[in-house]
Amino acid sequence: MRRADIYVNDVVAGVLTETDKREYIFTYDDAYRADERTTAIGLLFPKSQKEFTSDTLFPLFYNMLAEGANKAYQCRILKIDEDDAFGLLLATAHTDTIGAITVKAL
């Protein structure tokens, strides 16, 4: 099992988990979900629900990854299998991302 904190503008919004069965779970942090000043991390993740599950990496996170030659280069340099989207997310989405979301391995 691998886990990562999900940040929105440097505030912990929740935890993303990849289970040993390659299922994905996003769980909102209780304080983030209760804070009326914070917004949902995406349209498919309303703050009214605490836990979300999927058989594939959620598109919100998958779309943060490089594609094509850039992905191949990152995987070669970081020694990550090109089919390991979660591993690549952990290795590359902790700084300098497009948008407000960052991902930091636990």
PDB file of N, CA and C in Angstrom:
ATOM      1  N   MET A   1       0.852  -1.176   0.000  1.00  0.00           N
ATOM      2  CA  MET A   1       0.000   0.000   0.000  1.00  0.00           C
ATOM      3  C   MET A   1       0.895   1.235   0.000  1.00  0.00           C
ATOM      4  N   ARG A   2       0.505   2.200  -0.819  1.00  0.00           N
ATOM      5  CA  ARG A   2       1.216   3.486  -0.856  1.00  0.00           C
ATOM      6  C   ARG A   2       0.213   4.593  -0.605  1.00  0.00           C
ATOM      7  N   ARG A   3       0.696   5.655   0.059  1.00  0.00           N
ATOM      8  CA  ARG A   3      -0.202   6.759   0.412  1.00  0.00           C
ATOM      9  C   ARG A   3       0.487   8.094   0.169  1.00  0.00           C
ATOM     10  N   ALA A   4      -0.351   9.108  -0.052  1.00  0.00           N
ATOM     11  CA  ALA A   4       0.171  10.457  -0.257  1.00  0.00           C
ATOM     12  C   ALA A   4      -0.814  11.473   0.303  1.00  0.00           C
ATOM     13  N   ASP A   5      -0.264  12.531   0.888  1.00  0.00           N
ATOM     14  CA  ASP A   5      -1.091  13.668   1.277  1.00  0.00           C
ATOM     15  C   ASP A   5      -1.376  14.486   0.030  1.00  0.00           C
ATOM     16  N   ILE A   6      -2.602  14.955  -0.084  1.00  0.00           N
ATOM     17  CA  ILE A   6      -3.008  15.829  -1.177  1.00  0.00           C
ATOM     18  C   ILE A   6      -3.177  17.230  -0.609  1.00  0.00           C
ATOM     19  N   TYR A   7      -2.478  18.175  -1.192  1.00  0.00           N
ATOM     20  CA  TYR A   7      -2.517  19.561  -0.745  1.00  0.00           C
ATOM     21  C   TYR A   7      -3.219  20.425  -1.780  1.00  0.00           C
ATOM     22  N   VAL A   8      -3.960  21.402  -1.309  1.00  0.00           N
ATOM     23  CA  VAL A   8      -4.540  22.432  -2.164  1.00  0.00           C
ATOM     24  C   VAL A   8      -4.021  23.754  -1.626  1.00  0.00           C
ATOM     25  N   ASN A   9      -3.233  24.445  -2.443  1.00  0.00           N
ATOM     26  CA  ASN A   9      -2.602  25.698  -2.012  1.00  0.00           C
ATOM     27  C   ASN A   9      -1.906  25.528  -0.660  1.00  0.00           C
ATOM     28  N   ASP A  10      -1.118  24.465  -0.541  1.00  0.00           N
ATOM     29  CA  ASP A  10      -0.309  24.158   0.650  1.00  0.00           C
ATOM     30  C   ASP A  10      -1.113  23.826   1.901  1.00  0.00           C
ATOM     31  N   VAL A  11      -2.382  23.497   1.752  1.00  0.00           N
ATOM     32  CA  VAL A  11      -3.233  23.070   2.866  1.00  0.00           C
ATOM     33  C   VAL A  11      -3.604  21.607   2.633  1.00  0.00           C
ATOM     34  N   VAL A  12      -3.417  20.755   3.637  1.00  0.00           N
ATOM     35  CA  VAL A  12      -3.755  19.338   3.485  1.00  0.00           C
ATOM     36  C   VAL A  12      -5.249  19.190   3.267  1.00  0.00           C
ATOM     37  N   ALA A  13      -5.607  18.608   2.113  1.00  0.00           N
ATOM     38  CA  ALA A  13      -7.014  18.401   1.777  1.00  0.00           C
ATOM     39  C   ALA A  13      -7.449  16.968   2.038  1.00  0.00           C
ATOM     40  N   GLY A  14      -6.508  16.032   1.984  1.00  0.00           N
ATOM     41  CA  GLY A  14      -6.861  14.633   2.193  1.00  0.00           C
ATOM     42  C   GLY A  14      -5.714  13.707   1.907  1.00  0.00           C
ATOM     43  N   VAL A  15      -6.054  12.420   1.823  1.00  0.00           N
ATOM     44  CA  VAL A  15      -5.063  11.374   1.584  1.00  0.00           C
ATOM     45  C   VAL A  15      -5.501  10.528   0.394  1.00  0.00           C
ATOM     46  N   LEU A  16      -4.556  10.266  -0.498  1.00  0.00           N
ATOM     47  CA  LEU A  16      -4.776   9.369  -1.624  1.00  0.00           C
ATOM     48  C   LEU A  16      -4.023   8.077  -1.336  1.00  0.00           C
ATOM     49  N   THR A  17      -4.733   6.956  -1.440  1.00  0.00           N
ATOM     50  CA  THR A  17      -4.147   5.648  -1.137  1.00  0.00           C
ATOM     51  C   THR A  17      -4.255   4.736  -2.347  1.00  0.00           C
ATOM     52  N   GLU A  18      -3.175   4.015  -2.618  1.00  0.00           N
ATOM     53  CA  GLU A  18      -3.200   2.925  -3.589  1.00  0.00           C
ATOM     54  C   GLU A  18      -3.092   1.640  -2.778  1.00  0.00           C
ATOM     55  N   THR A  19      -4.103   0.785  -2.850  1.00  0.00           N
ATOM     56  CA  THR A  19      -4.085  -0.458  -2.080  1.00  0.00           C
ATOM     57  C   THR A  19      -3.219  -1.498  -2.792  1.00  0.00           C
ATOM     58  N   ASP A  20      -2.970  -2.600  -2.110  1.00  0.00           N
ATOM     59  CA  ASP A  20      -2.187  -3.685  -2.696  1.00  0.00           C
ATOM     60  C   ASP A  20      -2.902  -4.310  -3.889  1.00  0.00           C
ATOM     61  N   LYS A  21      -4.208  -4.106  -3.995  1.00  0.00           N
ATOM     62  CA  LYS A  21      -4.990  -4.632  -5.118  1.00  0.00           C
ATOM     63  C   LYS A  21      -5.112  -3.614  -6.251  1.00  0.00           C
ATOM     64  N   ARG A  22      -4.328  -2.537  -6.185  1.00  0.00           N
ATOM     65  CA  ARG A  22      -4.356  -1.445  -7.166  1.00  0.00           C
ATOM     66  C   ARG A  22      -5.723  -0.777  -7.249  1.00  0.00           C
ATOM     67  N   GLU A  23      -6.339  -0.606  -6.095  1.00  0.00           N
ATOM     68  CA  GLU A  23      -7.544   0.208  -5.986  1.00  0.00           C
ATOM     69  C   GLU A  23      -7.104   1.540  -5.388  1.00  0.00           C
ATOM     70  N   TYR A  24      -7.849   2.578  -5.694  1.00  0.00           N
ATOM     71  CA  TYR A  24      -7.470   3.917  -5.257  1.00  0.00           C
ATOM     72  C   TYR A  24      -8.571   4.493  -4.391  1.00  0.00           C
ATOM     73  N   ILE A  25      -8.155   5.132  -3.313  1.00  0.00           N
ATOM     74  CA  ILE A  25      -9.094   5.724  -2.366  1.00  0.00           C
ATOM     75  C   ILE A  25      -8.629   7.143  -2.061  1.00  0.00           C
ATOM     76  N   PHE A  26      -9.521   8.098  -2.232  1.00  0.00           N
ATOM     77  CA  PHE A  26      -9.247   9.456  -1.774  1.00  0.00           C
ATOM     78  C   PHE A  26     -10.170   9.731  -0.600  1.00  0.00           C
ATOM     79  N   THR A  27      -9.582  10.207   0.494  1.00  0.00           N
ATOM     80  CA  THR A  27     -10.338  10.533   1.693  1.00  0.00           C
ATOM     81  C   THR A  27     -10.030  11.966   2.091  1.00  0.00           C
ATOM     82  N   TYR A  28     -11.062  12.772   2.239  1.00  0.00           N
ATOM     83  CA  TYR A  28     -10.867  14.151   2.697  1.00  0.00           C
ATOM     84  C   TYR A  28     -10.379  14.170   4.140  1.00  0.00           C
ATOM     85  N   ASP A  29      -9.504  15.099   4.432  1.00  0.00           N
ATOM     86  CA  ASP A  29      -9.114  15.397   5.800  1.00  0.00           C
ATOM     87  C   ASP A  29     -10.334  16.003   6.497  1.00  0.00           C
ATOM     88  N   ASP A  30     -10.605  15.566   7.727  1.00  0.00           N
ATOM     89  CA  ASP A  30     -11.800  16.037   8.440  1.00  0.00           C
ATOM     90  C   ASP A  30     -11.824  17.559   8.597  1.00  0.00           C
ATOM     91  N   ALA A  31     -10.693  18.148   8.948  1.00  0.00           N
ATOM     92  CA  ALA A  31     -10.643  19.605   9.142  1.00  0.00           C
ATOM     93  C   ALA A  31     -10.874  20.339   7.826  1.00  0.00           C
ATOM     94  N   TYR A  32     -10.297  19.821   6.740  1.00  0.00           N
ATOM     95  CA  TYR A  32     -10.472  20.448   5.435  1.00  0.00           C
ATOM     96  C   TYR A  32     -11.933  20.378   4.998  1.00  0.00           C
ATOM     97  N   ARG A  33     -12.524  19.220   5.183  1.00  0.00           N
ATOM     98  CA  ARG A  33     -13.916  19.025   4.773  1.00  0.00           C
ATOM     99  C   ARG A  33     -14.859  19.897   5.585  1.00  0.00           C
ATOM    100  N   ALA A  34     -14.555  20.109   6.862  1.00  0.00           N
ATOM    101  CA  ALA A  34     -15.430  20.893   7.734  1.00  0.00           C
ATOM    102  C   ALA A  34     -15.264  22.406   7.541  1.00  0.00           C
ATOM    103  N   ASP A  35     -14.147  22.826   6.981  1.00  0.00           N
ATOM    104  CA  ASP A  35     -13.863  24.255   6.820  1.00  0.00           C
ATOM    105  C   ASP A  35     -14.682  24.823   5.656  1.00  0.00           C
ATOM    106  N   GLU A  36     -15.565  25.727   5.929  1.00  0.00           N
ATOM    107  CA  GLU A  36     -16.427  26.314   4.899  1.00  0.00           C
ATOM    108  C   GLU A  36     -15.664  27.174   3.901  1.00  0.00           C
ATOM    109  N   ARG A  37     -14.455  27.587   4.248  1.00  0.00           N
ATOM    110  CA  ARG A  37     -13.662  28.426   3.349  1.00  0.00           C
ATOM    111  C   ARG A  37     -12.952  27.615   2.266  1.00  0.00           C
ATOM    112  N   THR A  38     -12.831  26.305   2.453  1.00  0.00           N
ATOM    113  CA  THR A  38     -12.145  25.481   1.458  1.00  0.00           C
ATOM    114  C   THR A  38     -13.132  24.979   0.406  1.00  0.00           C
ATOM    115  N   THR A  39     -12.590  24.674  -0.756  1.00  0.00           N
ATOM    116  CA  THR A  39     -13.420  24.170  -1.850  1.00  0.00           C
ATOM    117  C   THR A  39     -13.082  22.714  -2.127  1.00  0.00           C
ATOM    118  N   ALA A  40     -13.960  22.041  -2.832  1.00  0.00           N
ATOM    119  CA  ALA A  40     -13.696  20.662  -3.247  1.00  0.00           C
ATOM    120  C   ALA A  40     -12.450  20.633  -4.123  1.00  0.00           C
ATOM    121  N   ILE A  41     -11.721  19.516  -4.092  1.00  0.00           N
ATOM    122  CA  ILE A  41     -10.499  19.444  -4.903  1.00  0.00           C
ATOM    123  C   ILE A  41     -10.813  19.287  -6.384  1.00  0.00           C
ATOM    124  N   GLY A  42     -12.016  18.864  -6.711  1.00  0.00           N
ATOM    125  CA  GLY A  42     -12.431  18.697  -8.098  1.00  0.00           C
ATOM    126  C   GLY A  42     -13.925  18.436  -8.168  1.00  0.00           C
ATOM    127  N   LEU A  43     -14.474  18.537  -9.357  1.00  0.00           N
ATOM    128  CA  LEU A  43     -15.917  18.356  -9.526  1.00  0.00           C
ATOM    129  C   LEU A  43     -16.399  16.978  -9.111  1.00  0.00           C
ATOM    130  N   LEU A  44     -15.568  15.964  -9.284  1.00  0.00           N
ATOM    131  CA  LEU A  44     -15.970  14.606  -8.936  1.00  0.00           C
ATOM    132  C   LEU A  44     -15.703  14.254  -7.475  1.00  0.00           C
ATOM    133  N   PHE A  45     -15.254  15.234  -6.699  1.00  0.00           N
ATOM    134  CA  PHE A  45     -14.936  15.021  -5.288  1.00  0.00           C
ATOM    135  C   PHE A  45     -15.659  16.039  -4.405  1.00  0.00           C
ATOM    136  N   PRO A  46     -16.987  16.005  -4.356  1.00  0.00           N
ATOM    137  CA  PRO A  46     -17.701  16.978  -3.521  1.00  0.00           C
ATOM    138  C   PRO A  46     -17.335  16.827  -2.044  1.00  0.00           C
ATOM    139  N   LYS A  47     -17.255  17.935  -1.355  1.00  0.00           N
ATOM    140  CA  LYS A  47     -16.894  17.896   0.061  1.00  0.00           C
ATOM    141  C   LYS A  47     -17.988  17.269   0.921  1.00  0.00           C
ATOM    142  N   SER A  48     -19.132  16.995   0.379  1.00  0.00           N
ATOM    143  CA  SER A  48     -20.210  16.372   1.139  1.00  0.00           C
ATOM    144  C   SER A  48     -19.934  14.886   1.387  1.00  0.00           C
ATOM    145  N   GLN A  49     -19.011  14.332   0.653  1.00  0.00           N
ATOM    146  CA  GLN A  49     -18.669  12.915   0.790  1.00  0.00           C
ATOM    147  C   GLN A  49     -17.239  12.808   1.295  1.00  0.00           C
ATOM    148  N   LYS A  50     -16.981  11.885   2.202  1.00  0.00           N
ATOM    149  CA  LYS A  50     -15.653  11.779   2.784  1.00  0.00           C
ATOM    150  C   LYS A  50     -14.716  10.878   1.989  1.00  0.00           C
ATOM    151  N   GLU A  51     -15.211   9.755   1.438  1.00  0.00           N
ATOM    152  CA  GLU A  51     -14.336   8.795   0.785  1.00  0.00           C
ATOM    153  C   GLU A  51     -14.791   8.490  -0.638  1.00  0.00           C
ATOM    154  N   PHE A  52     -13.809   8.370  -1.532  1.00  0.00           N
ATOM    155  CA  PHE A  52     -14.057   8.058  -2.940  1.00  0.00           C
ATOM    156  C   PHE A  52     -13.163   6.888  -3.321  1.00  0.00           C
ATOM    157  N   THR A  53     -13.691   5.955  -4.105  1.00  0.00           N
ATOM    158  CA  THR A  53     -12.908   4.792  -4.513  1.00  0.00           C
ATOM    159  C   THR A  53     -12.969   4.630  -6.028  1.00  0.00           C
ATOM    160  N   SER A  54     -11.924   3.997  -6.572  1.00  0.00           N
ATOM    161  CA  SER A  54     -11.857   3.763  -8.005  1.00  0.00           C
ATOM    162  C   SER A  54     -10.932   2.586  -8.284  1.00  0.00           C
ATOM    163  N   ASP A  55     -11.201   1.890  -9.382  1.00  0.00           N
ATOM    164  CA  ASP A  55     -10.331   0.800  -9.831  1.00  0.00           C
ATOM    165  C   ASP A  55      -9.131   1.322 -10.610  1.00  0.00           C
ATOM    166  N   THR A  56      -9.180   2.584 -11.008  1.00  0.00           N
ATOM    167  CA  THR A  56      -8.070   3.215 -11.722  1.00  0.00           C
ATOM    168  C   THR A  56      -7.721   4.521 -11.012  1.00  0.00           C
ATOM    169  N   LEU A  57      -6.518   5.012 -11.268  1.00  0.00           N
ATOM    170  CA  LEU A  57      -6.124   6.282 -10.671  1.00  0.00           C
ATOM    171  C   LEU A  57      -7.088   7.357 -11.156  1.00  0.00           C
ATOM    172  N   PHE A  58      -7.630   8.116 -10.225  1.00  0.00           N
ATOM    173  CA  PHE A  58      -8.610   9.141 -10.562  1.00  0.00           C
ATOM    174  C   PHE A  58      -8.047  10.082 -11.640  1.00  0.00           C
ATOM    175  N   PRO A  59      -8.868  10.458 -12.642  1.00  0.00           N
ATOM    176  CA  PRO A  59      -8.394  11.338 -13.712  1.00  0.00           C
ATOM    177  C   PRO A  59      -7.769  12.639 -13.199  1.00  0.00           C
ATOM    178  N   LEU A  60      -8.281  13.188 -12.113  1.00  0.00           N
ATOM    179  CA  LEU A  60      -7.718  14.427 -11.564  1.00  0.00           C
ATOM    180  C   LEU A  60      -6.225  14.269 -11.312  1.00  0.00           C
ATOM    181  N   PHE A  61      -5.819  13.125 -10.786  1.00  0.00           N
ATOM    182  CA  PHE A  61      -4.414  12.883 -10.466  1.00  0.00           C
ATOM    183  C   PHE A  61      -3.648  12.359 -11.674  1.00  0.00           C
ATOM    184  N   TYR A  62      -4.271  11.490 -12.461  1.00  0.00           N
ATOM    185  CA  TYR A  62      -3.608  10.941 -13.641  1.00  0.00           C
ATOM    186  C   TYR A  62      -3.225  12.053 -14.617  1.00  0.00           C
ATOM    187  N   ASN A  63      -4.080  13.051 -14.743  1.00  0.00           N
ATOM    188  CA  ASN A  63      -3.822  14.149 -15.677  1.00  0.00           C
ATOM    189  C   ASN A  63      -2.716  15.088 -15.215  1.00  0.00           C
ATOM    190  N   MET A  64      -2.209  14.882 -14.020  1.00  0.00           N
ATOM    191  CA  MET A  64      -1.065  15.666 -13.543  1.00  0.00           C
ATOM    192  C   MET A  64       0.254  15.099 -14.077  1.00  0.00           C
ATOM    193  N   LEU A  65       0.200  13.928 -14.695  1.00  0.00           N
ATOM    194  CA  LEU A  65       1.411  13.246 -15.154  1.00  0.00           C
ATOM    195  C   LEU A  65       1.817  13.679 -16.557  1.00  0.00           C
ATOM    196  N   ALA A  66       3.116  13.590 -16.799  1.00  0.00           N
ATOM    197  CA  ALA A  66       3.644  13.870 -18.138  1.00  0.00           C
ATOM    198  C   ALA A  66       3.195  12.769 -19.087  1.00  0.00           C
ATOM    199  N   GLU A  67       3.279  13.063 -20.385  1.00  0.00           N
ATOM    200  CA  GLU A  67       2.908  12.096 -21.412  1.00  0.00           C
ATOM    201  C   GLU A  67       4.040  11.962 -22.414  1.00  0.00           C
ATOM    202  N   GLY A  68       3.963  10.917 -23.215  1.00  0.00           N
ATOM    203  CA  GLY A  68       4.870  10.743 -24.341  1.00  0.00           C
ATOM    204  C   GLY A  68       6.334  10.706 -23.962  1.00  0.00           C
ATOM    205  N   ALA A  69       7.136  11.457 -24.719  1.00  0.00           N
ATOM    206  CA  ALA A  69       8.581  11.463 -24.522  1.00  0.00           C
ATOM    207  C   ALA A  69       8.967  11.984 -23.137  1.00  0.00           C
ATOM    208  N   ASN A  70       8.224  12.966 -22.631  1.00  0.00           N
ATOM    209  CA  ASN A  70       8.535  13.486 -21.299  1.00  0.00           C
ATOM    210  C   ASN A  70       8.316  12.423 -20.225  1.00  0.00           C
ATOM    211  N   LYS A  71       7.239  11.671 -20.352  1.00  0.00           N
ATOM    212  CA  LYS A  71       6.967  10.591 -19.405  1.00  0.00           C
ATOM    213  C   LYS A  71       8.064   9.529 -19.484  1.00  0.00           C
ATOM    214  N   ALA A  72       8.425   9.135 -20.698  1.00  0.00           N
ATOM    215  CA  ALA A  72       9.472   8.127 -20.888  1.00  0.00           C
ATOM    216  C   ALA A  72      10.783   8.596 -20.262  1.00  0.00           C
ATOM    217  N   TYR A  73      11.112   9.851 -20.452  1.00  0.00           N
ATOM    218  CA  TYR A  73      12.345  10.413 -19.884  1.00  0.00           C
ATOM    219  C   TYR A  73      12.287  10.399 -18.355  1.00  0.00           C
ATOM    220  N   GLN A  74      11.171  10.870 -17.784  1.00  0.00           N
ATOM    221  CA  GLN A  74      11.037  10.871 -16.325  1.00  0.00           C
ATOM    222  C   GLN A  74      11.164   9.460 -15.764  1.00  0.00           C
ATOM    223  N   CYS A  75      10.501   8.520 -16.381  1.00  0.00           N
ATOM    224  CA  CYS A  75      10.532   7.137 -15.894  1.00  0.00           C
ATOM    225  C   CYS A  75      11.940   6.551 -15.977  1.00  0.00           C
ATOM    226  N   ARG A  76      12.640   6.856 -17.047  1.00  0.00           N
ATOM    227  CA  ARG A  76      14.006   6.353 -17.192  1.00  0.00           C
ATOM    228  C   ARG A  76      14.921   6.967 -16.142  1.00  0.00           C
ATOM    229  N   ILE A  77      14.848   8.270 -15.964  1.00  0.00           N
ATOM    230  CA  ILE A  77      15.718   8.958 -15.003  1.00  0.00           C
ATOM    231  C   ILE A  77      15.383   8.551 -13.569  1.00  0.00           C
ATOM    232  N   LEU A  78      14.092   8.444 -13.258  1.00  0.00           N
ATOM    233  CA  LEU A  78      13.659   8.130 -11.888  1.00  0.00           C
ATOM    234  C   LEU A  78      13.582   6.625 -11.619  1.00  0.00           C
ATOM    235  N   LYS A  79      13.833   5.819 -12.668  1.00  0.00           N
ATOM    236  CA  LYS A  79      13.781   4.352 -12.564  1.00  0.00           C
ATOM    237  C   LYS A  79      12.426   3.873 -12.062  1.00  0.00           C
ATOM    238  N   ILE A  80      11.383   4.374 -12.739  1.00  0.00           N
ATOM    239  CA  ILE A  80       9.990   4.017 -12.433  1.00  0.00           C
ATOM    240  C   ILE A  80       9.394   3.360 -13.676  1.00  0.00           C
ATOM    241  N   ASP A  81       8.704   2.261 -13.480  1.00  0.00           N
ATOM    242  CA  ASP A  81       8.021   1.581 -14.586  1.00  0.00           C
ATOM    243  C   ASP A  81       7.006   2.538 -15.213  1.00  0.00           C
ATOM    244  N   GLU A  82       6.940   2.588 -16.519  1.00  0.00           N
ATOM    245  CA  GLU A  82       6.011   3.498 -17.200  1.00  0.00           C
ATOM    246  C   GLU A  82       4.550   3.190 -16.889  1.00  0.00           C
ATOM    247  N   ASP A  83       4.248   1.978 -16.441  1.00  0.00           N
ATOM    248  CA  ASP A  83       2.877   1.616 -16.078  1.00  0.00           C
ATOM    249  C   ASP A  83       2.547   1.940 -14.627  1.00  0.00           C
ATOM    250  N   ASP A  84       3.514   2.472 -13.879  1.00  0.00           N
ATOM    251  CA  ASP A  84       3.313   2.800 -12.462  1.00  0.00           C
ATOM    252  C   ASP A  84       2.919   4.271 -12.313  1.00  0.00           C
ATOM    253  N   ALA A  85       1.669   4.565 -12.635  1.00  0.00           N
ATOM    254  CA  ALA A  85       1.197   5.953 -12.588  1.00  0.00           C
ATOM    255  C   ALA A  85       1.275   6.526 -11.176  1.00  0.00           C
ATOM    256  N   PHE A  86       0.938   5.729 -10.172  1.00  0.00           N
ATOM    257  CA  PHE A  86       0.972   6.231  -8.798  1.00  0.00           C
ATOM    258  C   PHE A  86       2.413   6.549  -8.385  1.00  0.00           C
ATOM    259  N   GLY A  87       3.340   5.682  -8.731  1.00  0.00           N
ATOM    260  CA  GLY A  87       4.748   5.937  -8.423  1.00  0.00           C
ATOM    261  C   GLY A  87       5.258   7.202  -9.090  1.00  0.00           C
ATOM    262  N   LEU A  88       4.872   7.400 -10.340  1.00  0.00           N
ATOM    263  CA  LEU A  88       5.274   8.600 -11.065  1.00  0.00           C
ATOM    264  C   LEU A  88       4.638   9.841 -10.449  1.00  0.00           C
ATOM    265  N   LEU A  89       3.393   9.719 -10.018  1.00  0.00           N
ATOM    266  CA  LEU A  89       2.715  10.830  -9.348  1.00  0.00           C
ATOM    267  C   LEU A  89       3.464  11.215  -8.073  1.00  0.00           C
ATOM    268  N   LEU A  90       3.838  10.218  -7.271  1.00  0.00           N
ATOM    269  CA  LEU A  90       4.563  10.483  -6.025  1.00  0.00           C
ATOM    270  C   LEU A  90       5.911  11.141  -6.291  1.00  0.00           C
ATOM    271  N   ALA A  91       6.557  10.732  -7.376  1.00  0.00           N
ATOM    272  CA  ALA A  91       7.896  11.233  -7.671  1.00  0.00           C
ATOM    273  C   ALA A  91       7.914  12.612  -8.313  1.00  0.00           C
ATOM    274  N   THR A  92       6.810  13.018  -8.948  1.00  0.00           N
ATOM    275  CA  THR A  92       6.869  14.248  -9.735  1.00  0.00           C
ATOM    276  C   THR A  92       5.881  15.338  -9.339  1.00  0.00           C
ATOM    277  N   ALA A  93       4.847  15.018  -8.586  1.00  0.00           N
ATOM    278  CA  ALA A  93       3.785  16.006  -8.331  1.00  0.00           C
ATOM    279  C   ALA A  93       3.879  16.662  -6.961  1.00  0.00           C
ATOM    280  N   HIS A  94       5.068  16.685  -6.387  1.00  0.00           N
ATOM    281  CA  HIS A  94       5.213  17.300  -5.061  1.00  0.00           C
ATOM    282  C   HIS A  94       5.621  18.766  -5.131  1.00  0.00           C
ATOM    283  N   THR A  95       6.081  19.209  -6.282  1.00  0.00           N
ATOM    284  CA  THR A  95       6.441  20.618  -6.458  1.00  0.00           C
ATOM    285  C   THR A  95       6.135  21.047  -7.885  1.00  0.00           C
ATOM    286  N   ASP A  96       5.988  22.322  -8.071  1.00  0.00           N
ATOM    287  CA  ASP A  96       5.900  22.912  -9.407  1.00  0.00           C
ATOM    288  C   ASP A  96       4.850  22.251 -10.296  1.00  0.00           C
ATOM    289  N   THR A  97       3.650  22.086  -9.774  1.00  0.00           N
ATOM    290  CA  THR A  97       2.563  21.507 -10.579  1.00  0.00           C
ATOM    291  C   THR A  97       1.723  22.610 -11.196  1.00  0.00           C
ATOM    292  N   ILE A  98       1.005  22.269 -12.236  1.00  0.00           N
ATOM    293  CA  ILE A  98       0.080  23.222 -12.831  1.00  0.00           C
ATOM    294  C   ILE A  98      -1.193  23.173 -11.991  1.00  0.00           C
ATOM    295  N   GLY A  99      -1.610  24.291 -11.474  1.00  0.00           N
ATOM    296  CA  GLY A  99      -2.786  24.324 -10.629  1.00  0.00           C
ATOM    297  C   GLY A  99      -2.423  24.326  -9.156  1.00  0.00           C
ATOM    298  N   ALA A 100      -3.435  24.176  -8.332  1.00  0.00           N
ATOM    299  CA  ALA A 100      -3.271  24.334  -6.889  1.00  0.00           C
ATOM    300  C   ALA A 100      -2.925  23.044  -6.164  1.00  0.00           C
ATOM    301  N   ILE A 101      -3.027  21.895  -6.827  1.00  0.00           N
ATOM    302  CA  ILE A 101      -2.870  20.611  -6.138  1.00  0.00           C
ATOM    303  C   ILE A 101      -1.434  20.114  -6.219  1.00  0.00           C
ATOM    304  N   THR A 102      -0.923  19.658  -5.068  1.00  0.00           N
ATOM    305  CA  THR A 102       0.357  18.964  -5.005  1.00  0.00           C
ATOM    306  C   THR A 102       0.172  17.665  -4.251  1.00  0.00           C
ATOM    307  N   VAL A 103       1.066  16.734  -4.499  1.00  0.00           N
ATOM    308  CA  VAL A 103       0.980  15.385  -3.935  1.00  0.00           C
ATOM    309  C   VAL A 103       2.288  15.083  -3.232  1.00  0.00           C
ATOM    310  N   LYS A 104       2.229  14.737  -1.957  1.00  0.00           N
ATOM    311  CA  LYS A 104       3.450  14.451  -1.200  1.00  0.00           C
ATOM    312  C   LYS A 104       3.334  13.075  -0.550  1.00  0.00           C
ATOM    313  N   ALA A 105       4.298  12.213  -0.869  1.00  0.00           N
ATOM    314  CA  ALA A 105       4.296  10.840  -0.363  1.00  0.00           C
ATOM    315  C   ALA A 105       4.331  10.821   1.157  1.00  0.00           C
ATOM    316  N   LEU A 106       3.637   9.841   1.723  1.00  0.00           N
ATOM    317  CA  LEU A 106       3.670   9.628   3.177  1.00  0.00           C
ATOM    318  C   LEU A 106       4.683   8.557   3.507  1.00  0.00           C
TER     319      LEU A 106
END
